[in-house]
Amino acid sequence: IIEPPVAIQSIASKDNFTVYPNPATTQLQIVSELYFPSAIISVYNVSGKLVMQQQNVGLNKSVPYILLLNQLSAGVYYLEVNTGDKKSVQKFIKS
């Protein structure tokens, strides 16, 4: 069975999220230029399958949010930050 590839495109956003380090080994730090008291953080694999999700995450620029990557295998992933009315997607590598 041959299936077409699934991709997640980056969405331009004014939210100015910064994700580092990239590539990451054990954790990602997520910083937002704006304050969001209850964002949803989702991680998708390259096939588009949801592999991790954390809800009610508070984001701001003074304190980075730490996303632990222990349960992920090495590979390419897409991090989606959903603030309710906007979404931002960034690609990262877990090494």
C-alpha atoms as a PDB file:
ATOM      1  CA  ILE A   1       0.000   0.000   0.000  1.00  0.00           C
ATOM      2  CA  ILE A   2       1.399   3.350  -1.016  1.00  0.00           C
ATOM      3  CA  GLU A   3       0.227   6.414   0.858  1.00  0.00           C
ATOM      4  CA  PRO A   4       0.969  10.030   0.002  1.00  0.00           C
ATOM      5  CA  PRO A   5       3.285  11.820   2.436  1.00  0.00           C
ATOM      6  CA  VAL A   6       1.731  13.934   5.139  1.00  0.00           C
ATOM      7  CA  ALA A   7       3.261  17.301   5.951  1.00  0.00           C
ATOM      8  CA  ILE A   8       2.679  20.055   8.450  1.00  0.00           C
ATOM      9  CA  GLN A   9       3.442  23.506   7.118  1.00  0.00           C
ATOM     10  CA  SER A  10       4.763  26.268   9.307  1.00  0.00           C
ATOM     11  CA  ILE A  11       2.152  28.920   9.901  1.00  0.00           C
ATOM     12  CA  ALA A  12       3.303  32.510  10.042  1.00  0.00           C
ATOM     13  CA  SER A  13       2.365  33.967  13.378  1.00  0.00           C
ATOM     14  CA  LYS A  14       2.708  37.250  15.230  1.00  0.00           C
ATOM     15  CA  ASP A  15       3.085  35.345  18.499  1.00  0.00           C
ATOM     16  CA  ASN A  16       6.895  35.232  18.169  1.00  0.00           C
ATOM     17  CA  PHE A  17       7.518  31.862  19.786  1.00  0.00           C
ATOM     18  CA  THR A  18      11.120  30.814  20.218  1.00  0.00           C
ATOM     19  CA  VAL A  19      12.000  27.136  20.571  1.00  0.00           C
ATOM     20  CA  TYR A  20      15.509  26.059  21.567  1.00  0.00           C
ATOM     21  CA  PRO A  21      17.858  24.215  21.475  1.00  0.00           C
ATOM     22  CA  ASN A  22      17.408  22.733  18.036  1.00  0.00           C
ATOM     23  CA  PRO A  23      18.473  19.964  17.717  1.00  0.00           C
ATOM     24  CA  ALA A  24      17.436  18.947  21.228  1.00  0.00           C
ATOM     25  CA  THR A  25      18.393  15.928  23.302  1.00  0.00           C
ATOM     26  CA  THR A  26      16.316  15.839  26.499  1.00  0.00           C
ATOM     27  CA  GLN A  27      14.221  19.021  26.510  1.00  0.00           C
ATOM     28  CA  LEU A  28      12.971  22.004  24.529  1.00  0.00           C
ATOM     29  CA  GLN A  29      12.509  25.467  25.961  1.00  0.00           C
ATOM     30  CA  ILE A  30       9.568  27.482  24.624  1.00  0.00           C
ATOM     31  CA  VAL A  31       9.448  31.252  25.059  1.00  0.00           C
ATOM     32  CA  SER A  32       6.701  33.599  23.896  1.00  0.00           C
ATOM     33  CA  GLU A  33       6.949  37.360  23.433  1.00  0.00           C
ATOM     34  CA  LEU A  34       3.323  37.595  24.613  1.00  0.00           C
ATOM     35  CA  TYR A  35       1.598  36.140  27.675  1.00  0.00           C
ATOM     36  CA  PHE A  36      -0.709  33.160  27.159  1.00  0.00           C
ATOM     37  CA  PRO A  37      -2.141  31.652  30.362  1.00  0.00           C
ATOM     38  CA  SER A  38      -3.476  28.405  28.852  1.00  0.00           C
ATOM     39  CA  ALA A  39      -1.870  27.332  25.581  1.00  0.00           C
ATOM     40  CA  ILE A  40      -1.893  23.783  24.206  1.00  0.00           C
ATOM     41  CA  ILE A  41       1.479  22.325  23.205  1.00  0.00           C
ATOM     42  CA  SER A  42       1.318  19.442  20.707  1.00  0.00           C
ATOM     43  CA  VAL A  43       4.139  17.436  19.142  1.00  0.00           C
ATOM     44  CA  TYR A  44       3.635  15.579  15.851  1.00  0.00           C
ATOM     45  CA  ASN A  45       5.945  13.126  14.117  1.00  0.00           C
ATOM     46  CA  VAL A  46       6.817  13.449  10.418  1.00  0.00           C
ATOM     47  CA  SER A  47       3.758  11.334   9.524  1.00  0.00           C
ATOM     48  CA  GLY A  48       1.484  13.882  11.189  1.00  0.00           C
ATOM     49  CA  LYS A  49       0.630  11.633  14.148  1.00  0.00           C
ATOM     50  CA  LEU A  50       0.170  13.325  17.520  1.00  0.00           C
ATOM     51  CA  VAL A  51       2.846  11.870  19.834  1.00  0.00           C
ATOM     52  CA  MET A  52       2.677  14.262  22.807  1.00  0.00           C
ATOM     53  CA  GLN A  53       0.327  16.937  24.110  1.00  0.00           C
ATOM     54  CA  GLN A  54       0.274  19.210  27.149  1.00  0.00           C
ATOM     55  CA  GLN A  55      -2.684  21.453  27.950  1.00  0.00           C
ATOM     56  CA  ASN A  56      -3.130  24.591  30.061  1.00  0.00           C
ATOM     57  CA  VAL A  57       0.486  25.644  29.564  1.00  0.00           C
ATOM     58  CA  GLY A  58       1.368  29.169  30.660  1.00  0.00           C
ATOM     59  CA  LEU A  59       3.737  30.899  28.235  1.00  0.00           C
ATOM     60  CA  ASN A  60       5.635  34.165  28.610  1.00  0.00           C
ATOM     61  CA  LYS A  61       9.052  35.642  27.846  1.00  0.00           C
ATOM     62  CA  SER A  62      10.366  35.854  31.394  1.00  0.00           C
ATOM     63  CA  VAL A  63      10.169  32.116  32.177  1.00  0.00           C
ATOM     64  CA  PRO A  64      10.752  29.500  29.443  1.00  0.00           C
ATOM     65  CA  TYR A  65       8.382  26.531  29.407  1.00  0.00           C
ATOM     66  CA  ILE A  66      10.377  23.279  29.553  1.00  0.00           C
ATOM     67  CA  LEU A  67       9.059  20.435  27.393  1.00  0.00           C
ATOM     68  CA  LEU A  68      10.682  17.113  28.326  1.00  0.00           C
ATOM     69  CA  LEU A  69      11.474  14.910  25.324  1.00  0.00           C
ATOM     70  CA  ASN A  70      12.369  11.669  27.132  1.00  0.00           C
ATOM     71  CA  GLN A  71       9.512   9.677  25.591  1.00  0.00           C
ATOM     72  CA  LEU A  72      10.427  10.627  21.999  1.00  0.00           C
ATOM     73  CA  SER A  73      12.774   8.646  19.766  1.00  0.00           C
ATOM     74  CA  ALA A  74      15.428  10.445  17.751  1.00  0.00           C
ATOM     75  CA  GLY A  75      13.953  12.076  14.646  1.00  0.00           C
ATOM     76  CA  VAL A  76      12.188  15.084  13.160  1.00  0.00           C
ATOM     77  CA  TYR A  77       9.099  16.495  14.887  1.00  0.00           C
ATOM     78  CA  TYR A  78       6.734  19.451  14.628  1.00  0.00           C
ATOM     79  CA  LEU A  79       5.852  21.503  17.692  1.00  0.00           C
ATOM     80  CA  GLU A  80       2.468  23.232  17.556  1.00  0.00           C
ATOM     81  CA  VAL A  81       1.567  25.998  19.998  1.00  0.00           C
ATOM     82  CA  ASN A  82      -2.186  26.666  20.060  1.00  0.00           C
ATOM     83  CA  THR A  83      -3.250  29.763  21.981  1.00  0.00           C
ATOM     84  CA  GLY A  84      -6.950  29.433  21.201  1.00  0.00           C
ATOM     85  CA  ASP A  85      -7.245  31.828  18.292  1.00  0.00           C
ATOM     86  CA  LYS A  86      -3.783  31.301  16.759  1.00  0.00           C
ATOM     87  CA  LYS A  87      -1.445  28.412  16.024  1.00  0.00           C
ATOM     88  CA  SER A  88       2.283  28.396  15.444  1.00  0.00           C
ATOM     89  CA  VAL A  89       4.194  25.350  14.161  1.00  0.00           C
ATOM     90  CA  GLN A  90       7.957  24.895  14.303  1.00  0.00           C
ATOM     91  CA  LYS A  91      10.075  21.953  13.205  1.00  0.00           C
ATOM     92  CA  PHE A  92      12.663  20.528  15.597  1.00  0.00           C
ATOM     93  CA  ILE A  93      15.055  17.601  15.691  1.00  0.00           C
ATOM     94  CA  LYS A  94      15.362  15.205  18.639  1.00  0.00           C
ATOM     95  CA  SER A  95      18.866  13.738  18.631  1.00  0.00           C
END
